[in-house]
Amino acid sequence: MKKKKAKKAQKKPSTIIKFPVSPAGDRVLVRRIPPEEVTSFGIIIPDTNKEKSEEGVIIAVGPGKKNEDGKLIPVSYTVGTRVRFSYGDEIKINGIDHILVHEENITAIINK
């Protein structure tokens, strides 16, 4: 009887995103920036009164959305851009708050 040789594990391409989540369509993956702990007047905000930040840094971008003709329209934001967003789907990756946001829900680019 002949023994079957085990197939070698195929190498993964080097262009794989290092996050366990990749945005689909016109979504971007945003890492939340923690809210300020002190107001501009010097008042310290206790943890119980802090709201979730609506600001973050884009860490991954989806391929884009197809128009009526089937042509792919790429997302107009790039990785590393600091943005403000209105809402999205909250997820935790390695214990850090992230949010998946549709491109249309990004309300501003923050230039600092």
PDB file of N, CA and C in Angstrom:
ATOM      1  N   MET A   1       0.831  -1.176   0.000  1.00  0.00           N
ATOM      2  CA  MET A   1       0.000   0.000   0.000  1.00  0.00           C
ATOM      3  C   MET A   1       0.878   1.242   0.000  1.00  0.00           C
ATOM      4  N   LYS A   2       0.476   2.190  -0.800  1.00  0.00           N
ATOM      5  CA  LYS A   2       1.203   3.444  -0.858  1.00  0.00           C
ATOM      6  C   LYS A   2       0.613   4.404   0.153  1.00  0.00           C
ATOM      7  N   LYS A   3       1.513   5.121   0.814  1.00  0.00           N
ATOM      8  CA  LYS A   3       1.060   6.143   1.754  1.00  0.00           C
ATOM      9  C   LYS A   3       0.903   7.456   1.009  1.00  0.00           C
ATOM     10  N   LYS A   4      -0.149   8.157   1.338  1.00  0.00           N
ATOM     11  CA  LYS A   4      -0.359   9.463   0.733  1.00  0.00           C
ATOM     12  C   LYS A   4       0.528  10.473   1.447  1.00  0.00           C
ATOM     13  N   LYS A   5       1.150  11.317   0.661  1.00  0.00           N
ATOM     14  CA  LYS A   5       1.983  12.364   1.235  1.00  0.00           C
ATOM     15  C   LYS A   5       1.089  13.492   1.723  1.00  0.00           C
ATOM     16  N   ALA A   6       1.433  14.021   2.863  1.00  0.00           N
ATOM     17  CA  ALA A   6       0.690  15.155   3.401  1.00  0.00           C
ATOM     18  C   ALA A   6       1.026  16.390   2.586  1.00  0.00           C
ATOM     19  N   LYS A   7       0.008  17.158   2.279  1.00  0.00           N
ATOM     20  CA  LYS A   7       0.232  18.387   1.528  1.00  0.00           C
ATOM     21  C   LYS A   7       0.916  19.407   2.423  1.00  0.00           C
ATOM     22  N   LYS A   8       1.848  20.115   1.838  1.00  0.00           N
ATOM     23  CA  LYS A   8       2.524  21.168   2.583  1.00  0.00           C
ATOM     24  C   LYS A   8       1.569  22.336   2.752  1.00  0.00           C
ATOM     25  N   ALA A   9       1.675  22.974   3.919  1.00  0.00           N
ATOM     26  CA  ALA A   9       0.849  24.148   4.174  1.00  0.00           C
ATOM     27  C   ALA A   9       1.290  25.266   3.241  1.00  0.00           C
ATOM     28  N   GLN A  10       0.321  25.858   2.594  1.00  0.00           N
ATOM     29  CA  GLN A  10       0.640  26.943   1.685  1.00  0.00           C
ATOM     30  C   GLN A  10       0.939  28.205   2.464  1.00  0.00           C
ATOM     31  N   LYS A  11       1.923  28.949   1.980  1.00  0.00           N
ATOM     32  CA  LYS A  11       2.266  30.213   2.621  1.00  0.00           C
ATOM     33  C   LYS A  11       1.193  31.236   2.298  1.00  0.00           C
ATOM     34  N   LYS A  12       0.905  32.050   3.292  1.00  0.00           N
ATOM     35  CA  LYS A  12      -0.063  33.120   3.104  1.00  0.00           C
ATOM     36  C   LYS A  12       0.634  34.301   2.437  1.00  0.00           C
ATOM     37  N   PRO A  13      -0.080  35.041   1.600  1.00  0.00           N
ATOM     38  CA  PRO A  13       0.533  36.205   0.970  1.00  0.00           C
ATOM     39  C   PRO A  13       0.950  37.235   2.006  1.00  0.00           C
ATOM     40  N   SER A  14       2.000  37.986   1.710  1.00  0.00           N
ATOM     41  CA  SER A  14       2.530  38.950   2.672  1.00  0.00           C
ATOM     42  C   SER A  14       1.689  40.214   2.768  1.00  0.00           C
ATOM     43  N   THR A  15       0.662  40.351   1.945  1.00  0.00           N
ATOM     44  CA  THR A  15      -0.149  41.569   1.952  1.00  0.00           C
ATOM     45  C   THR A  15      -1.369  41.459   2.865  1.00  0.00           C
ATOM     46  N   ILE A  16      -1.447  40.444   3.682  1.00  0.00           N
ATOM     47  CA  ILE A  16      -2.603  40.257   4.573  1.00  0.00           C
ATOM     48  C   ILE A  16      -2.563  41.309   5.677  1.00  0.00           C
ATOM     49  N   ILE A  17      -3.726  41.905   5.957  1.00  0.00           N
ATOM     50  CA  ILE A  17      -3.832  42.884   7.036  1.00  0.00           C
ATOM     51  C   ILE A  17      -3.600  42.166   8.352  1.00  0.00           C
ATOM     52  N   LYS A  18      -2.902  42.808   9.271  1.00  0.00           N
ATOM     53  CA  LYS A  18      -2.531  42.183  10.535  1.00  0.00           C
ATOM     54  C   LYS A  18      -3.646  42.207  11.574  1.00  0.00           C
ATOM     55  N   PHE A  19      -4.833  42.649  11.210  1.00  0.00           N
ATOM     56  CA  PHE A  19      -5.952  42.688  12.134  1.00  0.00           C
ATOM     57  C   PHE A  19      -6.869  41.508  11.857  1.00  0.00           C
ATOM     58  N   PRO A  20      -7.539  40.989  12.890  1.00  0.00           N
ATOM     59  CA  PRO A  20      -8.436  39.865  12.668  1.00  0.00           C
ATOM     60  C   PRO A  20      -9.726  40.273  11.948  1.00  0.00           C
ATOM     61  N   VAL A  21      -9.907  41.576  11.712  1.00  0.00           N
ATOM     62  CA  VAL A  21     -11.107  42.076  11.050  1.00  0.00           C
ATOM     63  C   VAL A  21     -10.678  42.955   9.881  1.00  0.00           C
ATOM     64  N   SER A  22     -11.245  42.710   8.714  1.00  0.00           N
ATOM     65  CA  SER A  22     -11.007  43.559   7.546  1.00  0.00           C
ATOM     66  C   SER A  22     -12.330  44.203   7.154  1.00  0.00           C
ATOM     67  N   PRO A  23     -12.342  45.516   6.953  1.00  0.00           N
ATOM     68  CA  PRO A  23     -13.591  46.168   6.567  1.00  0.00           C
ATOM     69  C   PRO A  23     -14.062  45.697   5.189  1.00  0.00           C
ATOM     70  N   ALA A  24     -15.356  45.594   5.043  1.00  0.00           N
ATOM     71  CA  ALA A  24     -15.948  45.197   3.767  1.00  0.00           C
ATOM     72  C   ALA A  24     -16.574  46.424   3.115  1.00  0.00           C
ATOM     73  N   GLY A  25     -16.613  46.426   1.795  1.00  0.00           N
ATOM     74  CA  GLY A  25     -17.277  47.500   1.061  1.00  0.00           C
ATOM     75  C   GLY A  25     -16.679  48.859   1.346  1.00  0.00           C
ATOM     76  N   ASP A  26     -17.547  49.829   1.635  1.00  0.00           N
ATOM     77  CA  ASP A  26     -17.091  51.199   1.869  1.00  0.00           C
ATOM     78  C   ASP A  26     -16.921  51.517   3.355  1.00  0.00           C
ATOM     79  N   ARG A  27     -16.589  50.516   4.125  1.00  0.00           N
ATOM     80  CA  ARG A  27     -16.382  50.714   5.567  1.00  0.00           C
ATOM     81  C   ARG A  27     -14.909  50.933   5.877  1.00  0.00           C
ATOM     82  N   VAL A  28     -14.663  51.587   7.027  1.00  0.00           N
ATOM     83  CA  VAL A  28     -13.307  51.754   7.528  1.00  0.00           C
ATOM     84  C   VAL A  28     -13.284  51.281   8.977  1.00  0.00           C
ATOM     85  N   LEU A  29     -12.145  50.745   9.408  1.00  0.00           N
ATOM     86  CA  LEU A  29     -11.972  50.317  10.794  1.00  0.00           C
ATOM     87  C   LEU A  29     -11.257  51.445  11.521  1.00  0.00           C
ATOM     88  N   VAL A  30     -11.889  51.955  12.567  1.00  0.00           N
ATOM     89  CA  VAL A  30     -11.377  53.104  13.309  1.00  0.00           C
ATOM     90  C   VAL A  30     -11.046  52.683  14.731  1.00  0.00           C
ATOM     91  N   ARG A  31      -9.839  53.029  15.187  1.00  0.00           N
ATOM     92  CA  ARG A  31      -9.474  52.820  16.598  1.00  0.00           C
ATOM     93  C   ARG A  31      -9.866  54.080  17.339  1.00  0.00           C
ATOM     94  N   ARG A  32     -10.725  53.906  18.330  1.00  0.00           N
ATOM     95  CA  ARG A  32     -11.192  55.061  19.109  1.00  0.00           C
ATOM     96  C   ARG A  32     -10.030  55.728  19.838  1.00  0.00           C
ATOM     97  N   ILE A  33     -10.092  57.053  19.924  1.00  0.00           N
ATOM     98  CA  ILE A  33      -9.148  57.817  20.722  1.00  0.00           C
ATOM     99  C   ILE A  33      -9.838  58.079  22.051  1.00  0.00           C
ATOM    100  N   PRO A  34      -9.169  57.788  23.176  1.00  0.00           N
ATOM    101  CA  PRO A  34      -9.821  57.995  24.472  1.00  0.00           C
ATOM    102  C   PRO A  34     -10.213  59.454  24.677  1.00  0.00           C
ATOM    103  N   PRO A  35     -11.360  59.696  25.324  1.00  0.00           N
ATOM    104  CA  PRO A  35     -11.802  61.071  25.550  1.00  0.00           C
ATOM    105  C   PRO A  35     -10.862  61.807  26.506  1.00  0.00           C
ATOM    106  N   GLU A  36     -10.908  63.108  26.430  1.00  0.00           N
ATOM    107  CA  GLU A  36     -10.073  63.941  27.296  1.00  0.00           C
ATOM    108  C   GLU A  36     -10.438  63.705  28.762  1.00  0.00           C
ATOM    109  N   GLU A  37      -9.430  63.697  29.623  1.00  0.00           N
ATOM    110  CA  GLU A  37      -9.674  63.501  31.055  1.00  0.00           C
ATOM    111  C   GLU A  37      -9.787  64.822  31.801  1.00  0.00           C
ATOM    112  N   VAL A  38      -9.358  65.918  31.167  1.00  0.00           N
ATOM    113  CA  VAL A  38      -9.412  67.235  31.793  1.00  0.00           C
ATOM    114  C   VAL A  38     -10.012  68.201  30.779  1.00  0.00           C
ATOM    115  N   THR A  39     -10.957  69.049  31.239  1.00  0.00           N
ATOM    116  CA  THR A  39     -11.559  70.043  30.348  1.00  0.00           C
ATOM    117  C   THR A  39     -10.582  71.182  30.107  1.00  0.00           C
ATOM    118  N   SER A  40     -10.929  72.079  29.182  1.00  0.00           N
ATOM    119  CA  SER A  40     -10.073  73.224  28.892  1.00  0.00           C
ATOM    120  C   SER A  40      -9.959  74.168  30.091  1.00  0.00           C
ATOM    121  N   PHE A  41     -10.890  74.069  31.052  1.00  0.00           N
ATOM    122  CA  PHE A  41     -10.849  74.879  32.268  1.00  0.00           C
ATOM    123  C   PHE A  41     -10.069  74.202  33.391  1.00  0.00           C
ATOM    124  N   GLY A  42      -9.574  72.975  33.163  1.00  0.00           N
ATOM    125  CA  GLY A  42      -8.792  72.268  34.168  1.00  0.00           C
ATOM    126  C   GLY A  42      -9.609  71.363  35.069  1.00  0.00           C
ATOM    127  N   ILE A  43     -10.877  71.165  34.764  1.00  0.00           N
ATOM    128  CA  ILE A  43     -11.733  70.301  35.578  1.00  0.00           C
ATOM    129  C   ILE A  43     -11.493  68.856  35.159  1.00  0.00           C
ATOM    130  N   ILE A  44     -11.223  67.982  36.121  1.00  0.00           N
ATOM    131  CA  ILE A  44     -10.985  66.562  35.851  1.00  0.00           C
ATOM    132  C   ILE A  44     -12.333  65.861  35.714  1.00  0.00           C
ATOM    133  N   ILE A  45     -12.482  65.110  34.626  1.00  0.00           N
ATOM    134  CA  ILE A  45     -13.728  64.384  34.366  1.00  0.00           C
ATOM    135  C   ILE A  45     -13.602  62.982  34.954  1.00  0.00           C
ATOM    136  N   PRO A  46     -14.488  62.600  35.904  1.00  0.00           N
ATOM    137  CA  PRO A  46     -14.424  61.242  36.460  1.00  0.00           C
ATOM    138  C   PRO A  46     -14.825  60.190  35.434  1.00  0.00           C
ATOM    139  N   ASP A  47     -14.318  58.975  35.635  1.00  0.00           N
ATOM    140  CA  ASP A  47     -14.599  57.879  34.704  1.00  0.00           C
ATOM    141  C   ASP A  47     -16.087  57.625  34.514  1.00  0.00           C
ATOM    142  N   THR A  48     -16.881  57.843  35.540  1.00  0.00           N
ATOM    143  CA  THR A  48     -18.316  57.554  35.453  1.00  0.00           C
ATOM    144  C   THR A  48     -19.048  58.523  34.534  1.00  0.00           C
ATOM    145  N   ASN A  49     -18.501  59.698  34.279  1.00  0.00           N
ATOM    146  CA  ASN A  49     -19.162  60.688  33.429  1.00  0.00           C
ATOM    147  C   ASN A  49     -18.593  60.764  32.021  1.00  0.00           C
ATOM    148  N   LYS A  50     -17.602  59.938  31.729  1.00  0.00           N
ATOM    149  CA  LYS A  50     -16.991  59.978  30.402  1.00  0.00           C
ATOM    150  C   LYS A  50     -17.898  59.297  29.385  1.00  0.00           C
ATOM    151  N   GLU A  51     -17.998  59.917  28.232  1.00  0.00           N
ATOM    152  CA  GLU A  51     -18.744  59.321  27.123  1.00  0.00           C
ATOM    153  C   GLU A  51     -17.747  58.676  26.173  1.00  0.00           C
ATOM    154  N   LYS A  52     -18.231  57.768  25.346  1.00  0.00           N
ATOM    155  CA  LYS A  52     -17.353  57.158  24.349  1.00  0.00           C
ATOM    156  C   LYS A  52     -16.980  58.203  23.319  1.00  0.00           C
ATOM    157  N   SER A  53     -15.738  58.182  22.953  1.00  0.00           N
ATOM    158  CA  SER A  53     -15.224  59.146  21.996  1.00  0.00           C
ATOM    159  C   SER A  53     -15.804  58.904  20.606  1.00  0.00           C
ATOM    160  N   GLU A  54     -16.086  59.975  19.898  1.00  0.00           N
ATOM    161  CA  GLU A  54     -16.538  59.885  18.510  1.00  0.00           C
ATOM    162  C   GLU A  54     -15.413  60.296  17.577  1.00  0.00           C
ATOM    163  N   GLU A  55     -14.175  60.162  18.072  1.00  0.00           N
ATOM    164  CA  GLU A  55     -12.998  60.454  17.277  1.00  0.00           C
ATOM    165  C   GLU A  55     -12.110  59.227  17.260  1.00  0.00           C
ATOM    166  N   GLY A  56     -11.356  59.087  16.185  1.00  0.00           N
ATOM    167  CA  GLY A  56     -10.454  57.955  16.109  1.00  0.00           C
ATOM    168  C   GLY A  56      -9.518  58.069  14.926  1.00  0.00           C
ATOM    169  N   VAL A  57      -8.663  57.059  14.803  1.00  0.00           N
ATOM    170  CA  VAL A  57      -7.697  56.977  13.721  1.00  0.00           C
ATOM    171  C   VAL A  57      -8.055  55.773  12.863  1.00  0.00           C
ATOM    172  N   ILE A  58      -8.079  55.967  11.557  1.00  0.00           N
ATOM    173  CA  ILE A  58      -8.398  54.880  10.632  1.00  0.00           C
ATOM    174  C   ILE A  58      -7.203  53.929  10.591  1.00  0.00           C
ATOM    175  N   ILE A  59      -7.466  52.637  10.855  1.00  0.00           N
ATOM    176  CA  ILE A  59      -6.385  51.652  10.832  1.00  0.00           C
ATOM    177  C   ILE A  59      -6.525  50.636   9.702  1.00  0.00           C
ATOM    178  N   ALA A  60      -7.693  50.590   9.064  1.00  0.00           N
ATOM    179  CA  ALA A  60      -7.888  49.710   7.902  1.00  0.00           C
ATOM    180  C   ALA A  60      -9.040  50.265   7.066  1.00  0.00           C
ATOM    181  N   VAL A  61      -8.944  50.066   5.751  1.00  0.00           N
ATOM    182  CA  VAL A  61      -9.929  50.609   4.813  1.00  0.00           C
ATOM    183  C   VAL A  61     -10.435  49.486   3.916  1.00  0.00           C
ATOM    184  N   GLY A  62     -11.736  49.459   3.693  1.00  0.00           N
ATOM    185  CA  GLY A  62     -12.317  48.478   2.784  1.00  0.00           C
ATOM    186  C   GLY A  62     -12.017  48.825   1.331  1.00  0.00           C
ATOM    187  N   PRO A  63     -12.338  47.919   0.404  1.00  0.00           N
ATOM    188  CA  PRO A  63     -12.016  48.139  -1.008  1.00  0.00           C
ATOM    189  C   PRO A  63     -12.850  49.227  -1.672  1.00  0.00           C
ATOM    190  N   GLY A  64     -14.043  49.474  -1.181  1.00  0.00           N
ATOM    191  CA  GLY A  64     -14.916  50.478  -1.784  1.00  0.00           C
ATOM    192  C   GLY A  64     -16.282  49.903  -2.105  1.00  0.00           C
ATOM    193  N   LYS A  65     -17.082  50.690  -2.800  1.00  0.00           N
ATOM    194  CA  LYS A  65     -18.456  50.313  -3.108  1.00  0.00           C
ATOM    195  C   LYS A  65     -18.659  50.365  -4.618  1.00  0.00           C
ATOM    196  N   LYS A  66     -19.455  49.453  -5.137  1.00  0.00           N
ATOM    197  CA  LYS A  66     -19.723  49.428  -6.577  1.00  0.00           C
ATOM    198  C   LYS A  66     -20.895  50.354  -6.894  1.00  0.00           C
ATOM    199  N   ASN A  67     -20.757  51.081  -8.000  1.00  0.00           N
ATOM    200  CA  ASN A  67     -21.848  51.946  -8.424  1.00  0.00           C
ATOM    201  C   ASN A  67     -22.828  51.154  -9.289  1.00  0.00           C
ATOM    202  N   GLU A  68     -23.788  51.831  -9.899  1.00  0.00           N
ATOM    203  CA  GLU A  68     -24.829  51.156 -10.697  1.00  0.00           C
ATOM    204  C   GLU A  68     -24.265  50.412 -11.900  1.00  0.00           C
ATOM    205  N   ASP A  69     -23.131  50.882 -12.432  1.00  0.00           N
ATOM    206  CA  ASP A  69     -22.508  50.255 -13.598  1.00  0.00           C
ATOM    207  C   ASP A  69     -21.593  49.103 -13.215  1.00  0.00           C
ATOM    208  N   GLY A  70     -21.436  48.858 -11.915  1.00  0.00           N
ATOM    209  CA  GLY A  70     -20.567  47.791 -11.450  1.00  0.00           C
ATOM    210  C   GLY A  70     -19.114  48.218 -11.279  1.00  0.00           C
ATOM    211  N   LYS A  71     -18.830  49.497 -11.448  1.00  0.00           N
ATOM    212  CA  LYS A  71     -17.467  50.018 -11.297  1.00  0.00           C
ATOM    213  C   LYS A  71     -17.191  50.266  -9.811  1.00  0.00           C
ATOM    214  N   LEU A  72     -16.029  49.847  -9.347  1.00  0.00           N
ATOM    215  CA  LEU A  72     -15.662  50.004  -7.939  1.00  0.00           C
ATOM    216  C   LEU A  72     -15.218  51.439  -7.660  1.00  0.00           C
ATOM    217  N   ILE A  73     -15.864  52.067  -6.707  1.00  0.00           N
ATOM    218  CA  ILE A  73     -15.488  53.415  -6.268  1.00  0.00           C
ATOM    219  C   ILE A  73     -14.733  53.251  -4.953  1.00  0.00           C
ATOM    220  N   PRO A  74     -13.415  53.516  -4.924  1.00  0.00           N
ATOM    221  CA  PRO A  74     -12.636  53.295  -3.706  1.00  0.00           C
ATOM    222  C   PRO A  74     -13.004  54.269  -2.594  1.00  0.00           C
ATOM    223  N   VAL A  75     -12.718  53.869  -1.361  1.00  0.00           N
ATOM    224  CA  VAL A  75     -12.953  54.717  -0.192  1.00  0.00           C
ATOM    225  C   VAL A  75     -12.004  55.911  -0.288  1.00  0.00           C
ATOM    226  N   SER A  76     -12.494  57.095   0.061  1.00  0.00           N
ATOM    227  CA  SER A  76     -11.697  58.311  -0.105  1.00  0.00           C
ATOM    228  C   SER A  76     -10.821  58.639   1.104  1.00  0.00           C
ATOM    229  N   TYR A  77     -10.761  57.777   2.097  1.00  0.00           N
ATOM    230  CA  TYR A  77      -9.925  58.002   3.276  1.00  0.00           C
ATOM    231  C   TYR A  77      -8.774  57.006   3.276  1.00  0.00           C
ATOM    232  N   THR A  78      -7.683  57.373   3.948  1.00  0.00           N
ATOM    233  CA  THR A  78      -6.513  56.507   4.002  1.00  0.00           C
ATOM    234  C   THR A  78      -6.198  56.119   5.441  1.00  0.00           C
ATOM    235  N   VAL A  79      -5.420  55.069   5.589  1.00  0.00           N
ATOM    236  CA  VAL A  79      -4.983  54.615   6.910  1.00  0.00           C
ATOM    237  C   VAL A  79      -4.148  55.715   7.552  1.00  0.00           C
ATOM    238  N   GLY A  80      -4.400  55.954   8.844  1.00  0.00           N
ATOM    239  CA  GLY A  80      -3.652  56.969   9.584  1.00  0.00           C
ATOM    240  C   GLY A  80      -4.377  58.300   9.697  1.00  0.00           C
ATOM    241  N   THR A  81      -5.489  58.470   8.967  1.00  0.00           N
ATOM    242  CA  THR A  81      -6.249  59.713   9.025  1.00  0.00           C
ATOM    243  C   THR A  81      -7.050  59.769  10.315  1.00  0.00           C
ATOM    244  N   ARG A  82      -6.986  60.913  11.003  1.00  0.00           N
ATOM    245  CA  ARG A  82      -7.768  61.094  12.226  1.00  0.00           C
ATOM    246  C   ARG A  82      -9.119  61.678  11.829  1.00  0.00           C
ATOM    247  N   VAL A  83     -10.204  61.043  12.275  1.00  0.00           N
ATOM    248  CA  VAL A  83     -11.548  61.431  11.839  1.00  0.00           C
ATOM    249  C   VAL A  83     -12.516  61.523  13.016  1.00  0.00           C
ATOM    250  N   ARG A  84     -13.630  62.187  12.753  1.00  0.00           N
ATOM    251  CA  ARG A  84     -14.774  62.215  13.664  1.00  0.00           C
ATOM    252  C   ARG A  84     -15.904  61.520  12.923  1.00  0.00           C
ATOM    253  N   PHE A  85     -16.668  60.685  13.636  1.00  0.00           N
ATOM    254  CA  PHE A  85     -17.724  59.902  12.997  1.00  0.00           C
ATOM    255  C   PHE A  85     -19.001  60.006  13.792  1.00  0.00           C
ATOM    256  N   SER A  86     -20.133  59.713  13.134  1.00  0.00           N
ATOM    257  CA  SER A  86     -21.415  59.815  13.817  1.00  0.00           C
ATOM    258  C   SER A  86     -21.800  58.506  14.503  1.00  0.00           C
ATOM    259  N   TYR A  87     -21.657  57.376  13.839  1.00  0.00           N
ATOM    260  CA  TYR A  87     -21.935  56.080  14.470  1.00  0.00           C
ATOM    261  C   TYR A  87     -21.421  54.956  13.595  1.00  0.00           C
ATOM    262  N   GLY A  88     -21.412  53.752  14.181  1.00  0.00           N
ATOM    263  CA  GLY A  88     -20.951  52.568  13.472  1.00  0.00           C
ATOM    264  C   GLY A  88     -21.130  51.347  14.353  1.00  0.00           C
ATOM    265  N   ASP A  89     -20.541  50.230  13.939  1.00  0.00           N
ATOM    266  CA  ASP A  89     -20.634  48.975  14.689  1.00  0.00           C
ATOM    267  C   ASP A  89     -19.424  48.834  15.602  1.00  0.00           C
ATOM    268  N   GLU A  90     -19.678  48.771  16.906  1.00  0.00           N
ATOM    269  CA  GLU A  90     -18.596  48.684  17.882  1.00  0.00           C
ATOM    270  C   GLU A  90     -18.067  47.261  17.985  1.00  0.00           C
ATOM    271  N   ILE A  91     -16.739  47.138  18.039  1.00  0.00           N
ATOM    272  CA  ILE A  91     -16.093  45.842  18.241  1.00  0.00           C
ATOM    273  C   ILE A  91     -14.854  46.051  19.096  1.00  0.00           C
ATOM    274  N   LYS A  92     -14.421  44.987  19.758  1.00  0.00           N
ATOM    275  CA  LYS A  92     -13.174  45.029  20.518  1.00  0.00           C
ATOM    276  C   LYS A  92     -12.191  44.104  19.839  1.00  0.00           C
ATOM    277  N   ILE A  93     -10.977  44.610  19.618  1.00  0.00           N
ATOM    278  CA  ILE A  93      -9.901  43.806  19.054  1.00  0.00           C
ATOM    279  C   ILE A  93      -8.747  43.862  20.040  1.00  0.00           C
ATOM    280  N   ASN A  94      -8.374  42.711  20.573  1.00  0.00           N
ATOM    281  CA  ASN A  94      -7.310  42.627  21.581  1.00  0.00           C
ATOM    282  C   ASN A  94      -7.568  43.563  22.760  1.00  0.00           C
ATOM    283  N   GLY A  95      -8.828  43.694  23.168  1.00  0.00           N
ATOM    284  CA  GLY A  95      -9.191  44.503  24.322  1.00  0.00           C
ATOM    285  C   GLY A  95      -9.257  45.996  24.067  1.00  0.00           C
ATOM    286  N   ILE A  96      -9.099  46.428  22.815  1.00  0.00           N
ATOM    287  CA  ILE A  96      -9.121  47.849  22.471  1.00  0.00           C
ATOM    288  C   ILE A  96     -10.397  48.142  21.690  1.00  0.00           C
ATOM    289  N   ASP A  97     -11.084  49.243  22.044  1.00  0.00           N
ATOM    290  CA  ASP A  97     -12.325  49.625  21.365  1.00  0.00           C
ATOM    291  C   ASP A  97     -12.043  50.081  19.938  1.00  0.00           C
ATOM    292  N   HIS A  98     -12.778  49.510  19.004  1.00  0.00           N
ATOM    293  CA  HIS A  98     -12.721  49.896  17.599  1.00  0.00           C
ATOM    294  C   HIS A  98     -14.156  50.063  17.115  1.00  0.00           C
ATOM    295  N   ILE A  99     -14.300  50.626  15.955  1.00  0.00           N
ATOM    296  CA  ILE A  99     -15.629  50.785  15.388  1.00  0.00           C
ATOM    297  C   ILE A  99     -15.524  50.655  13.868  1.00  0.00           C
ATOM    298  N   LEU A 100     -16.472  49.928  13.288  1.00  0.00           N
ATOM    299  CA  LEU A 100     -16.579  49.818  11.829  1.00  0.00           C
ATOM    300  C   LEU A 100     -17.563  50.886  11.371  1.00  0.00           C
ATOM    301  N   VAL A 101     -17.092  51.797  10.536  1.00  0.00           N
ATOM    302  CA  VAL A 101     -17.877  52.958  10.143  1.00  0.00           C
ATOM    303  C   VAL A 101     -18.035  52.981   8.625  1.00  0.00           C
ATOM    304  N   HIS A 102     -19.255  53.222   8.152  1.00  0.00           N
ATOM    305  CA  HIS A 102     -19.468  53.452   6.723  1.00  0.00           C
ATOM    306  C   HIS A 102     -18.808  54.784   6.359  1.00  0.00           C
ATOM    307  N   GLU A 103     -18.290  54.857   5.169  1.00  0.00           N
ATOM    308  CA  GLU A 103     -17.632  56.083   4.699  1.00  0.00           C
ATOM    309  C   GLU A 103     -18.548  57.294   4.854  1.00  0.00           C
ATOM    310  N   GLU A 104     -19.839  57.136   4.593  1.00  0.00           N
ATOM    311  CA  GLU A 104     -20.784  58.260   4.678  1.00  0.00           C
ATOM    312  C   GLU A 104     -21.019  58.732   6.106  1.00  0.00           C
ATOM    313  N   ASN A 105     -20.636  57.925   7.120  1.00  0.00           N
ATOM    314  CA  ASN A 105     -20.820  58.310   8.515  1.00  0.00           C
ATOM    315  C   ASN A 105     -19.611  59.031   9.110  1.00  0.00           C
ATOM    316  N   ILE A 106     -18.581  59.249   8.304  1.00  0.00           N
ATOM    317  CA  ILE A 106     -17.442  60.047   8.755  1.00  0.00           C
ATOM    318  C   ILE A 106     -17.834  61.502   8.514  1.00  0.00           C
ATOM    319  N   THR A 107     -17.848  62.284   9.586  1.00  0.00           N
ATOM    320  CA  THR A 107     -18.339  63.651   9.497  1.00  0.00           C
ATOM    321  C   THR A 107     -17.235  64.690   9.336  1.00  0.00           C
ATOM    322  N   ALA A 108     -15.992  64.364   9.725  1.00  0.00           N
ATOM    323  CA  ALA A 108     -14.924  65.358   9.622  1.00  0.00           C
ATOM    324  C   ALA A 108     -13.561  64.682   9.672  1.00  0.00           C
ATOM    325  N   ILE A 109     -12.589  65.360   9.060  1.00  0.00           N
ATOM    326  CA  ILE A 109     -11.176  64.965   9.182  1.00  0.00           C
ATOM    327  C   ILE A 109     -10.573  65.942  10.183  1.00  0.00           C
ATOM    328  N   ILE A 110      -9.846  65.417  11.151  1.00  0.00           N
ATOM    329  CA  ILE A 110      -9.246  66.255  12.185  1.00  0.00           C
ATOM    330  C   ILE A 110      -7.786  66.492  11.843  1.00  0.00           C
ATOM    331  N   ASN A 111      -7.424  67.737  11.654  1.00  0.00           N
ATOM    332  CA  ASN A 111      -6.048  68.114  11.349  1.00  0.00           C
ATOM    333  C   ASN A 111      -5.395  68.678  12.605  1.00  0.00           C
ATOM    334  N   LYS A 112      -4.473  67.931  13.174  1.00  0.00           N
ATOM    335  CA  LYS A 112      -3.770  68.417  14.378  1.00  0.00           C
ATOM    336  C   LYS A 112      -2.307  68.422  14.122  1.00  0.00           C
TER     337      LYS A 112
END
